[in-house]
Amino acid sequence: MIGGRRLEQNDPPPDLAIEIDVTSKTIFDAYLAIAVPELWVYASDKLNIYLLRDRQYIKSDISPKFPNIPVAQIIPATIERSWQVGTVQALEELKETIAQMSEF
C-alpha cells in the first residue's frame, strides 16, 4: 500500500484499523465491507479490540497482531501519560515498555 492514498476496489484490506471515536458511534459495517480482520476503537479513555469472525466483530482482550503486548492497557495509559508529560515523552516511554516486553 506504499504510495496509496485511498483504498481501491481490488486492494487487500488493511491488517488493522484504529479508530479514535470522539463524537460518534463506530459503524462496524464500514469495516466489515472491506473485511478488516482487526479493529481497535479508542473511546471514553478505553481501547476496545474487535476481531472479525464469521462476518461479525467480536470483542477480544488481546490483539492477535501483538499477542504478547497488553495493548488494551498500555495504549490508554500512554494517552493519559501524554497529558502529563507531552506526546514525545509518552511515546518514548511506550517504546521502552514495548522493548522490555519483547525481551521476554
PDB file of N, CA and C in Angstrom:
ATOM      1  N   MET A   1       0.807  -1.197   0.000  1.00  0.00           N
ATOM      2  CA  MET A   1       0.000   0.000   0.000  1.00  0.00           C
ATOM      3  C   MET A   1       0.855   1.268   0.000  1.00  0.00           C
ATOM      4  N   ILE A   2       2.178   1.104  -0.103  1.00  0.00           N
ATOM      5  CA  ILE A   2       3.058   2.266  -0.116  1.00  0.00           C
ATOM      6  C   ILE A   2       2.684   3.167  -1.288  1.00  0.00           C
ATOM      7  N   GLY A   3       2.527   4.430  -0.998  1.00  0.00           N
ATOM      8  CA  GLY A   3       2.194   5.397  -2.028  1.00  0.00           C
ATOM      9  C   GLY A   3       0.706   5.540  -2.278  1.00  0.00           C
ATOM     10  N   GLY A   4      -0.095   4.632  -1.741  1.00  0.00           N
ATOM     11  CA  GLY A   4      -1.532   4.720  -1.933  1.00  0.00           C
ATOM     12  C   GLY A   4      -2.160   5.707  -0.978  1.00  0.00           C
ATOM     13  N   ARG A   5      -3.093   6.469  -1.449  1.00  0.00           N
ATOM     14  CA  ARG A   5      -3.779   7.434  -0.595  1.00  0.00           C
ATOM     15  C   ARG A   5      -5.192   6.968  -0.230  1.00  0.00           C
ATOM     16  N   ARG A   6      -5.719   6.072  -1.039  1.00  0.00           N
ATOM     17  CA  ARG A   6      -7.083   5.587  -0.819  1.00  0.00           C
ATOM     18  C   ARG A   6      -7.124   4.101  -1.106  1.00  0.00           C
ATOM     19  N   LEU A   7      -8.022   3.414  -0.448  1.00  0.00           N
ATOM     20  CA  LEU A   7      -8.261   2.018  -0.786  1.00  0.00           C
ATOM     21  C   LEU A   7      -9.002   1.963  -2.113  1.00  0.00           C
ATOM     22  N   GLU A   8      -8.496   1.145  -2.993  1.00  0.00           N
ATOM     23  CA  GLU A   8      -9.172   0.931  -4.270  1.00  0.00           C
ATOM     24  C   GLU A   8      -9.941  -0.389  -4.175  1.00  0.00           C
ATOM     25  N   GLN A   9     -10.840  -0.614  -5.098  1.00  0.00           N
ATOM     26  CA  GLN A   9     -11.737  -1.756  -5.052  1.00  0.00           C
ATOM     27  C   GLN A   9     -11.009  -3.095  -4.941  1.00  0.00           C
ATOM     28  N   ASN A  10      -9.907  -3.278  -5.610  1.00  0.00           N
ATOM     29  CA  ASN A  10      -9.202  -4.558  -5.605  1.00  0.00           C
ATOM     30  C   ASN A  10      -8.063  -4.637  -4.592  1.00  0.00           C
ATOM     31  N   ASP A  11      -7.868  -3.600  -3.798  1.00  0.00           N
ATOM     32  CA  ASP A  11      -6.821  -3.618  -2.788  1.00  0.00           C
ATOM     33  C   ASP A  11      -7.178  -4.591  -1.664  1.00  0.00           C
ATOM     34  N   PRO A  12      -6.168  -5.228  -1.064  1.00  0.00           N
ATOM     35  CA  PRO A  12      -6.457  -6.068   0.105  1.00  0.00           C
ATOM     36  C   PRO A  12      -6.833  -5.170   1.283  1.00  0.00           C
ATOM     37  N   PRO A  13      -7.579  -5.702   2.238  1.00  0.00           N
ATOM     38  CA  PRO A  13      -7.935  -4.875   3.398  1.00  0.00           C
ATOM     39  C   PRO A  13      -6.699  -4.626   4.258  1.00  0.00           C
ATOM     40  N   PRO A  14      -6.687  -3.539   5.014  1.00  0.00           N
ATOM     41  CA  PRO A  14      -5.587  -3.338   5.955  1.00  0.00           C
ATOM     42  C   PRO A  14      -5.626  -4.426   7.021  1.00  0.00           C
ATOM     43  N   ASP A  15      -4.475  -4.743   7.604  1.00  0.00           N
ATOM     44  CA  ASP A  15      -4.421  -5.755   8.667  1.00  0.00           C
ATOM     45  C   ASP A  15      -5.109  -5.280   9.935  1.00  0.00           C
ATOM     46  N   LEU A  16      -5.111  -3.975  10.134  1.00  0.00           N
ATOM     47  CA  LEU A  16      -5.605  -3.394  11.377  1.00  0.00           C
ATOM     48  C   LEU A  16      -6.146  -2.011  11.089  1.00  0.00           C
ATOM     49  N   ALA A  17      -7.298  -1.698  11.674  1.00  0.00           N
ATOM     50  CA  ALA A  17      -7.838  -0.341  11.612  1.00  0.00           C
ATOM     51  C   ALA A  17      -7.928   0.179  13.031  1.00  0.00           C
ATOM     52  N   ILE A  18      -7.576   1.455  13.203  1.00  0.00           N
ATOM     53  CA  ILE A  18      -7.635   2.089  14.514  1.00  0.00           C
ATOM     54  C   ILE A  18      -8.536   3.302  14.390  1.00  0.00           C
ATOM     55  N   GLU A  19      -9.543   3.344  15.243  1.00  0.00           N
ATOM     56  CA  GLU A  19     -10.481   4.464  15.211  1.00  0.00           C
ATOM     57  C   GLU A  19     -10.461   5.164  16.558  1.00  0.00           C
ATOM     58  N   ILE A  20     -10.274   6.466  16.498  1.00  0.00           N
ATOM     59  CA  ILE A  20     -10.371   7.299  17.687  1.00  0.00           C
ATOM     60  C   ILE A  20     -11.768   7.901  17.625  1.00  0.00           C
ATOM     61  N   ASP A  21     -12.641   7.424  18.482  1.00  0.00           N
ATOM     62  CA  ASP A  21     -14.048   7.795  18.412  1.00  0.00           C
ATOM     63  C   ASP A  21     -14.331   8.898  19.424  1.00  0.00           C
ATOM     64  N   VAL A  22     -14.519  10.107  18.918  1.00  0.00           N
ATOM     65  CA  VAL A  22     -14.724  11.241  19.797  1.00  0.00           C
ATOM     66  C   VAL A  22     -16.186  11.693  19.810  1.00  0.00           C
ATOM     67  N   THR A  23     -16.797  11.729  18.651  1.00  0.00           N
ATOM     68  CA  THR A  23     -18.124  12.338  18.574  1.00  0.00           C
ATOM     69  C   THR A  23     -19.224  11.428  18.050  1.00  0.00           C
ATOM     70  N   SER A  24     -18.878  10.224  17.617  1.00  0.00           N
ATOM     71  CA  SER A  24     -19.914   9.386  17.017  1.00  0.00           C
ATOM     72  C   SER A  24     -19.731   7.935  17.431  1.00  0.00           C
ATOM     73  N   LYS A  25     -20.713   7.145  17.101  1.00  0.00           N
ATOM     74  CA  LYS A  25     -20.667   5.716  17.387  1.00  0.00           C
ATOM     75  C   LYS A  25     -19.997   5.001  16.214  1.00  0.00           C
ATOM     76  N   THR A  26     -19.153   4.023  16.530  1.00  0.00           N
ATOM     77  CA  THR A  26     -18.448   3.276  15.494  1.00  0.00           C
ATOM     78  C   THR A  26     -19.440   2.513  14.622  1.00  0.00           C
ATOM     79  N   ILE A  27     -19.255   2.606  13.318  1.00  0.00           N
ATOM     80  CA  ILE A  27     -20.086   1.891  12.362  1.00  0.00           C
ATOM     81  C   ILE A  27     -19.286   0.677  11.883  1.00  0.00           C
ATOM     82  N   PHE A  28     -19.566  -0.473  12.475  1.00  0.00           N
ATOM     83  CA  PHE A  28     -18.816  -1.680  12.149  1.00  0.00           C
ATOM     84  C   PHE A  28     -19.018  -2.108  10.701  1.00  0.00           C
ATOM     85  N   ASP A  29     -20.170  -1.786  10.118  1.00  0.00           N
ATOM     86  CA  ASP A  29     -20.456  -2.192   8.736  1.00  0.00           C
ATOM     87  C   ASP A  29     -19.424  -1.647   7.750  1.00  0.00           C
ATOM     88  N   ALA A  30     -18.889  -0.463   8.016  1.00  0.00           N
ATOM     89  CA  ALA A  30     -17.889   0.120   7.116  1.00  0.00           C
ATOM     90  C   ALA A  30     -16.624  -0.734   7.100  1.00  0.00           C
ATOM     91  N   TYR A  31     -16.224  -1.239   8.253  1.00  0.00           N
ATOM     92  CA  TYR A  31     -15.039  -2.092   8.343  1.00  0.00           C
ATOM     93  C   TYR A  31     -15.341  -3.498   7.822  1.00  0.00           C
ATOM     94  N   LEU A  32     -16.543  -3.955   8.076  1.00  0.00           N
ATOM     95  CA  LEU A  32     -16.975  -5.267   7.598  1.00  0.00           C
ATOM     96  C   LEU A  32     -17.000  -5.309   6.069  1.00  0.00           C
ATOM     97  N   ALA A  33     -17.388  -4.209   5.451  1.00  0.00           N
ATOM     98  CA  ALA A  33     -17.482  -4.142   3.987  1.00  0.00           C
ATOM     99  C   ALA A  33     -16.136  -4.405   3.309  1.00  0.00           C
ATOM    100  N   ILE A  34     -15.049  -4.021   3.960  1.00  0.00           N
ATOM    101  CA  ILE A  34     -13.725  -4.271   3.366  1.00  0.00           C
ATOM    102  C   ILE A  34     -12.973  -5.371   4.121  1.00  0.00           C
ATOM    103  N   ALA A  35     -13.658  -6.017   5.071  1.00  0.00           N
ATOM    104  CA  ALA A  35     -13.137  -7.195   5.783  1.00  0.00           C
ATOM    105  C   ALA A  35     -11.835  -6.931   6.530  1.00  0.00           C
ATOM    106  N   VAL A  36     -11.807  -5.845   7.299  1.00  0.00           N
ATOM    107  CA  VAL A  36     -10.647  -5.572   8.147  1.00  0.00           C
ATOM    108  C   VAL A  36     -10.649  -6.607   9.270  1.00  0.00           C
ATOM    109  N   PRO A  37      -9.591  -7.420   9.393  1.00  0.00           N
ATOM    110  CA  PRO A  37      -9.607  -8.515  10.356  1.00  0.00           C
ATOM    111  C   PRO A  37      -9.526  -8.088  11.822  1.00  0.00           C
ATOM    112  N   GLU A  38      -8.971  -6.911  12.076  1.00  0.00           N
ATOM    113  CA  GLU A  38      -8.829  -6.456  13.464  1.00  0.00           C
ATOM    114  C   GLU A  38      -9.102  -4.960  13.528  1.00  0.00           C
ATOM    115  N   LEU A  39      -9.902  -4.567  14.509  1.00  0.00           N
ATOM    116  CA  LEU A  39     -10.307  -3.173  14.665  1.00  0.00           C
ATOM    117  C   LEU A  39     -10.085  -2.759  16.110  1.00  0.00           C
ATOM    118  N   TRP A  40      -9.403  -1.639  16.299  1.00  0.00           N
ATOM    119  CA  TRP A  40      -9.246  -1.060  17.626  1.00  0.00           C
ATOM    120  C   TRP A  40     -10.072   0.218  17.666  1.00  0.00           C
ATOM    121  N   VAL A  41     -10.872   0.375  18.709  1.00  0.00           N
ATOM    122  CA  VAL A  41     -11.678   1.579  18.875  1.00  0.00           C
ATOM    123  C   VAL A  41     -11.333   2.191  20.224  1.00  0.00           C
ATOM    124  N   TYR A  42     -10.814   3.416  20.187  1.00  0.00           N
ATOM    125  CA  TYR A  42     -10.499   4.142  21.410  1.00  0.00           C
ATOM    126  C   TYR A  42     -11.603   5.163  21.646  1.00  0.00           C
ATOM    127  N   ALA A  43     -12.293   5.014  22.776  1.00  0.00           N
ATOM    128  CA  ALA A  43     -13.365   5.937  23.144  1.00  0.00           C
ATOM    129  C   ALA A  43     -13.508   5.925  24.654  1.00  0.00           C
ATOM    130  N   SER A  44     -13.826   7.070  25.214  1.00  0.00           N
ATOM    131  CA  SER A  44     -14.050   7.198  26.660  1.00  0.00           C
ATOM    132  C   SER A  44     -12.877   6.628  27.469  1.00  0.00           C
ATOM    133  N   ASP A  45     -11.672   6.976  27.051  1.00  0.00           N
ATOM    134  CA  ASP A  45     -10.445   6.573  27.756  1.00  0.00           C
ATOM    135  C   ASP A  45     -10.230   5.070  27.807  1.00  0.00           C
ATOM    136  N   LYS A  46     -10.794   4.344  26.857  1.00  0.00           N
ATOM    137  CA  LYS A  46     -10.672   2.889  26.832  1.00  0.00           C
ATOM    138  C   LYS A  46     -10.413   2.424  25.403  1.00  0.00           C
ATOM    139  N   LEU A  47      -9.556   1.408  25.273  1.00  0.00           N
ATOM    140  CA  LEU A  47      -9.308   0.806  23.973  1.00  0.00           C
ATOM    141  C   LEU A  47     -10.008  -0.543  23.918  1.00  0.00           C
ATOM    142  N   ASN A  48     -10.892  -0.689  22.947  1.00  0.00           N
ATOM    143  CA  ASN A  48     -11.566  -1.966  22.717  1.00  0.00           C
ATOM    144  C   ASN A  48     -11.011  -2.590  21.451  1.00  0.00           C
ATOM    145  N   ILE A  49     -10.768  -3.889  21.534  1.00  0.00           N
ATOM    146  CA  ILE A  49     -10.238  -4.651  20.404  1.00  0.00           C
ATOM    147  C   ILE A  49     -11.354  -5.534  19.872  1.00  0.00           C
ATOM    148  N   TYR A  50     -11.559  -5.505  18.560  1.00  0.00           N
ATOM    149  CA  TYR A  50     -12.577  -6.335  17.922  1.00  0.00           C
ATOM    150  C   TYR A  50     -11.922  -7.160  16.822  1.00  0.00           C
ATOM    151  N   LEU A  51     -12.312  -8.416  16.749  1.00  0.00           N
ATOM    152  CA  LEU A  51     -11.784  -9.322  15.733  1.00  0.00           C
ATOM    153  C   LEU A  51     -12.913  -9.786  14.832  1.00  0.00           C
ATOM    154  N   LEU A  52     -12.642  -9.854  13.549  1.00  0.00           N
ATOM    155  CA  LEU A  52     -13.635 -10.305  12.585  1.00  0.00           C
ATOM    156  C   LEU A  52     -13.705 -11.830  12.596  1.00  0.00           C
ATOM    157  N   ARG A  53     -14.868 -12.354  12.954  1.00  0.00           N
ATOM    158  CA  ARG A  53     -15.110 -13.793  12.992  1.00  0.00           C
ATOM    159  C   ARG A  53     -16.499 -14.065  12.416  1.00  0.00           C
ATOM    160  N   ASP A  54     -16.558 -14.898  11.405  1.00  0.00           N
ATOM    161  CA  ASP A  54     -17.841 -15.270  10.788  1.00  0.00           C
ATOM    162  C   ASP A  54     -18.678 -14.046  10.418  1.00  0.00           C
ATOM    163  N   ARG A  55     -18.021 -13.081   9.764  1.00  0.00           N
ATOM    164  CA  ARG A  55     -18.673 -11.870   9.259  1.00  0.00           C
ATOM    165  C   ARG A  55     -19.298 -11.000  10.337  1.00  0.00           C
ATOM    166  N   GLN A  56     -18.716 -11.040  11.540  1.00  0.00           N
ATOM    167  CA  GLN A  56     -19.127 -10.103  12.586  1.00  0.00           C
ATOM    168  C   GLN A  56     -17.933  -9.808  13.494  1.00  0.00           C
ATOM    169  N   TYR A  57     -17.980  -8.673  14.154  1.00  0.00           N
ATOM    170  CA  TYR A  57     -16.893  -8.291  15.042  1.00  0.00           C
ATOM    171  C   TYR A  57     -17.191  -8.748  16.463  1.00  0.00           C
ATOM    172  N   ILE A  58     -16.205  -9.447  17.027  1.00  0.00           N
ATOM    173  CA  ILE A  58     -16.291  -9.986  18.377  1.00  0.00           C
ATOM    174  C   ILE A  58     -15.248  -9.273  19.234  1.00  0.00           C
ATOM    175  N   LYS A  59     -15.650  -8.811  20.399  1.00  0.00           N
ATOM    176  CA  LYS A  59     -14.727  -8.131  21.306  1.00  0.00           C
ATOM    177  C   LYS A  59     -13.694  -9.125  21.834  1.00  0.00           C
ATOM    178  N   SER A  60     -12.449  -8.663  21.953  1.00  0.00           N
ATOM    179  CA  SER A  60     -11.354  -9.510  22.402  1.00  0.00           C
ATOM    180  C   SER A  60     -10.523  -8.773  23.448  1.00  0.00           C
ATOM    181  N   ASP A  61      -9.880  -9.530  24.322  1.00  0.00           N
ATOM    182  CA  ASP A  61      -8.994  -8.937  25.320  1.00  0.00           C
ATOM    183  C   ASP A  61      -7.580  -8.747  24.794  1.00  0.00           C
ATOM    184  N   ILE A  62      -7.242  -9.471  23.724  1.00  0.00           N
ATOM    185  CA  ILE A  62      -5.890  -9.375  23.173  1.00  0.00           C
ATOM    186  C   ILE A  62      -5.936  -9.128  21.677  1.00  0.00           C
ATOM    187  N   SER A  63      -4.822  -8.643  21.173  1.00  0.00           N
ATOM    188  CA  SER A  63      -4.654  -8.428  19.743  1.00  0.00           C
ATOM    189  C   SER A  63      -3.820  -9.556  19.167  1.00  0.00           C
ATOM    190  N   PRO A  64      -4.340 -10.309  18.198  1.00  0.00           N
ATOM    191  CA  PRO A  64      -3.523 -11.334  17.555  1.00  0.00           C
ATOM    192  C   PRO A  64      -2.294 -10.757  16.850  1.00  0.00           C
ATOM    193  N   LYS A  65      -2.365  -9.488  16.463  1.00  0.00           N
ATOM    194  CA  LYS A  65      -1.211  -8.847  15.822  1.00  0.00           C
ATOM    195  C   LYS A  65      -0.086  -8.603  16.821  1.00  0.00           C
ATOM    196  N   PHE A  66      -0.446  -8.417  18.090  1.00  0.00           N
ATOM    197  CA  PHE A  66       0.520  -8.152  19.159  1.00  0.00           C
ATOM    198  C   PHE A  66       0.160  -9.011  20.374  1.00  0.00           C
ATOM    199  N   PRO A  67       0.265 -10.329  20.255  1.00  0.00           N
ATOM    200  CA  PRO A  67      -0.244 -11.220  21.300  1.00  0.00           C
ATOM    201  C   PRO A  67       0.459 -11.104  22.651  1.00  0.00           C
ATOM    202  N   ASN A  68       1.695 -10.640  22.677  1.00  0.00           N
ATOM    203  CA  ASN A  68       2.438 -10.555  23.925  1.00  0.00           C
ATOM    204  C   ASN A  68       2.465  -9.154  24.525  1.00  0.00           C
ATOM    205  N   ILE A  69       1.703  -8.254  23.935  1.00  0.00           N
ATOM    206  CA  ILE A  69       1.662  -6.873  24.422  1.00  0.00           C
ATOM    207  C   ILE A  69       0.227  -6.546  24.813  1.00  0.00           C
ATOM    208  N   PRO A  70      -0.006  -6.137  26.058  1.00  0.00           N
ATOM    209  CA  PRO A  70      -1.372  -5.815  26.503  1.00  0.00           C
ATOM    210  C   PRO A  70      -1.819  -4.434  26.005  1.00  0.00           C
ATOM    211  N   VAL A  71      -2.062  -4.342  24.703  1.00  0.00           N
ATOM    212  CA  VAL A  71      -2.355  -3.048  24.083  1.00  0.00           C
ATOM    213  C   VAL A  71      -3.588  -2.374  24.681  1.00  0.00           C
ATOM    214  N   ALA A  72      -4.565  -3.155  25.107  1.00  0.00           N
ATOM    215  CA  ALA A  72      -5.784  -2.563  25.671  1.00  0.00           C
ATOM    216  C   ALA A  72      -5.492  -1.820  26.976  1.00  0.00           C
ATOM    217  N   GLN A  73      -4.374  -2.138  27.612  1.00  0.00           N
ATOM    218  CA  GLN A  73      -3.996  -1.435  28.826  1.00  0.00           C
ATOM    219  C   GLN A  73      -2.964  -0.334  28.548  1.00  0.00           C
ATOM    220  N   ILE A  74      -1.954  -0.639  27.736  1.00  0.00           N
ATOM    221  CA  ILE A  74      -0.867   0.337  27.598  1.00  0.00           C
ATOM    222  C   ILE A  74      -1.195   1.513  26.682  1.00  0.00           C
ATOM    223  N   ILE A  75      -2.088   1.334  25.731  1.00  0.00           N
ATOM    224  CA  ILE A  75      -2.440   2.468  24.862  1.00  0.00           C
ATOM    225  C   ILE A  75      -3.201   3.543  25.652  1.00  0.00           C
ATOM    226  N   PRO A  76      -4.254   3.204  26.414  1.00  0.00           N
ATOM    227  CA  PRO A  76      -4.901   4.247  27.219  1.00  0.00           C
ATOM    228  C   PRO A  76      -3.950   4.873  28.246  1.00  0.00           C
ATOM    229  N   ALA A  77      -3.075   4.065  28.831  1.00  0.00           N
ATOM    230  CA  ALA A  77      -2.108   4.609  29.794  1.00  0.00           C
ATOM    231  C   ALA A  77      -1.156   5.583  29.109  1.00  0.00           C
ATOM    232  N   THR A  78      -0.758   5.277  27.883  1.00  0.00           N
ATOM    233  CA  THR A  78       0.138   6.168  27.137  1.00  0.00           C
ATOM    234  C   THR A  78      -0.562   7.473  26.799  1.00  0.00           C
ATOM    235  N   ILE A  79      -1.820   7.392  26.418  1.00  0.00           N
ATOM    236  CA  ILE A  79      -2.576   8.614  26.107  1.00  0.00           C
ATOM    237  C   ILE A  79      -2.722   9.478  27.349  1.00  0.00           C
ATOM    238  N   GLU A  80      -3.048   8.857  28.463  1.00  0.00           N
ATOM    239  CA  GLU A  80      -3.153   9.601  29.729  1.00  0.00           C
ATOM    240  C   GLU A  80      -1.805  10.220  30.099  1.00  0.00           C
ATOM    241  N   ARG A  81      -0.745   9.437  29.928  1.00  0.00           N
ATOM    242  CA  ARG A  81       0.598   9.929  30.252  1.00  0.00           C
ATOM    243  C   ARG A  81       0.971  11.121  29.380  1.00  0.00           C
ATOM    244  N   SER A  82       0.521  11.123  28.132  1.00  0.00           N
ATOM    245  CA  SER A  82       0.844  12.227  27.228  1.00  0.00           C
ATOM    246  C   SER A  82       0.272  13.551  27.726  1.00  0.00           C
ATOM    247  N   TRP A  83      -0.833  13.496  28.447  1.00  0.00           N
ATOM    248  CA  TRP A  83      -1.399  14.716  29.032  1.00  0.00           C
ATOM    249  C   TRP A  83      -0.505  15.255  30.143  1.00  0.00           C
ATOM    250  N   GLN A  84       0.250  14.363  30.767  1.00  0.00           N
ATOM    251  CA  GLN A  84       1.101  14.763  31.891  1.00  0.00           C
ATOM    252  C   GLN A  84       2.484  15.238  31.448  1.00  0.00           C
ATOM    253  N   VAL A  85       3.089  14.515  30.497  1.00  0.00           N
ATOM    254  CA  VAL A  85       4.482  14.795  30.137  1.00  0.00           C
ATOM    255  C   VAL A  85       4.667  15.199  28.679  1.00  0.00           C
ATOM    256  N   GLY A  86       3.613  15.180  27.910  1.00  0.00           N
ATOM    257  CA  GLY A  86       3.700  15.520  26.495  1.00  0.00           C
ATOM    258  C   GLY A  86       3.793  14.267  25.633  1.00  0.00           C
ATOM    259  N   THR A  87       3.445  14.431  24.377  1.00  0.00           N
ATOM    260  CA  THR A  87       3.368  13.304  23.454  1.00  0.00           C
ATOM    261  C   THR A  87       4.718  12.640  23.210  1.00  0.00           C
ATOM    262  N   VAL A  88       5.752  13.433  22.990  1.00  0.00           N
ATOM    263  CA  VAL A  88       7.059  12.861  22.676  1.00  0.00           C
ATOM    264  C   VAL A  88       7.552  11.983  23.821  1.00  0.00           C
ATOM    265  N   GLN A  89       7.489  12.494  25.042  1.00  0.00           N
ATOM    266  CA  GLN A  89       7.940  11.721  26.204  1.00  0.00           C
ATOM    267  C   GLN A  89       7.088  10.473  26.390  1.00  0.00           C
ATOM    268  N   ALA A  90       5.778  10.591  26.247  1.00  0.00           N
ATOM    269  CA  ALA A  90       4.889   9.434  26.412  1.00  0.00           C
ATOM    270  C   ALA A  90       5.185   8.364  25.374  1.00  0.00           C
ATOM    271  N   LEU A  91       5.446   8.763  24.142  1.00  0.00           N
ATOM    272  CA  LEU A  91       5.778   7.794  23.095  1.00  0.00           C
ATOM    273  C   LEU A  91       7.135   7.136  23.346  1.00  0.00           C
ATOM    274  N   GLU A  92       8.081   7.884  23.862  1.00  0.00           N
ATOM    275  CA  GLU A  92       9.382   7.302  24.220  1.00  0.00           C
ATOM    276  C   GLU A  92       9.202   6.247  25.318  1.00  0.00           C
ATOM    277  N   GLU A  93       8.379   6.566  26.306  1.00  0.00           N
ATOM    278  CA  GLU A  93       8.107   5.615  27.383  1.00  0.00           C
ATOM    279  C   GLU A  93       7.399   4.366  26.844  1.00  0.00           C
ATOM    280  N   LEU A  94       6.468   4.554  25.908  1.00  0.00           N
ATOM    281  CA  LEU A  94       5.783   3.416  25.285  1.00  0.00           C
ATOM    282  C   LEU A  94       6.781   2.542  24.537  1.00  0.00           C
ATOM    283  N   LYS A  95       7.666   3.170  23.800  1.00  0.00           N
ATOM    284  CA  LYS A  95       8.696   2.442  23.058  1.00  0.00           C
ATOM    285  C   LYS A  95       9.557   1.608  24.018  1.00  0.00           C
ATOM    286  N   GLU A  96       9.944   2.187  25.144  1.00  0.00           N
ATOM    287  CA  GLU A  96      10.744   1.469  26.143  1.00  0.00           C
ATOM    288  C   GLU A  96       9.954   0.306  26.746  1.00  0.00           C
ATOM    289  N   THR A  97       8.688   0.542  27.038  1.00  0.00           N
ATOM    290  CA  THR A  97       7.844  -0.520  27.607  1.00  0.00           C
ATOM    291  C   THR A  97       7.721  -1.692  26.645  1.00  0.00           C
ATOM    292  N   ILE A  98       7.483  -1.409  25.391  1.00  0.00           N
ATOM    293  CA  ILE A  98       7.354  -2.480  24.390  1.00  0.00           C
ATOM    294  C   ILE A  98       8.677  -3.208  24.211  1.00  0.00           C
ATOM    295  N   ALA A  99       9.779  -2.475  24.215  1.00  0.00           N
ATOM    296  CA  ALA A  99      11.102  -3.124  24.095  1.00  0.00           C
ATOM    297  C   ALA A  99      11.350  -4.066  25.266  1.00  0.00           C
ATOM    298  N   GLN A 100      10.969  -3.651  26.463  1.00  0.00           N
ATOM    299  CA  GLN A 100      11.139  -4.507  27.638  1.00  0.00           C
ATOM    300  C   GLN A 100      10.271  -5.751  27.533  1.00  0.00           C
ATOM    301  N   MET A 101       9.063  -5.612  27.054  1.00  0.00           N
ATOM    302  CA  MET A 101       8.163  -6.758  26.895  1.00  0.00           C
ATOM    303  C   MET A 101       8.684  -7.724  25.842  1.00  0.00           C
ATOM    304  N   SER A 102       9.321  -7.191  24.827  1.00  0.00           N
ATOM    305  CA  SER A 102       9.841  -8.022  23.735  1.00  0.00           C
ATOM    306  C   SER A 102      11.058  -8.836  24.144  1.00  0.00           C
ATOM    307  N   GLU A 103      11.723  -8.421  25.217  1.00  0.00           N
ATOM    308  CA  GLU A 103      12.901  -9.136  25.695  1.00  0.00           C
ATOM    309  C   GLU A 103      12.561 -10.488  26.289  1.00  0.00           C
ATOM    310  N   PHE A 104      11.326 -10.639  26.714  1.00  0.00           N
ATOM    311  CA  PHE A 104      10.933 -11.877  27.404  1.00  0.00           C
ATOM    312  C   PHE A 104      10.368 -12.901  26.464  1.00  0.00           C
TER     313      PHE A 104
END
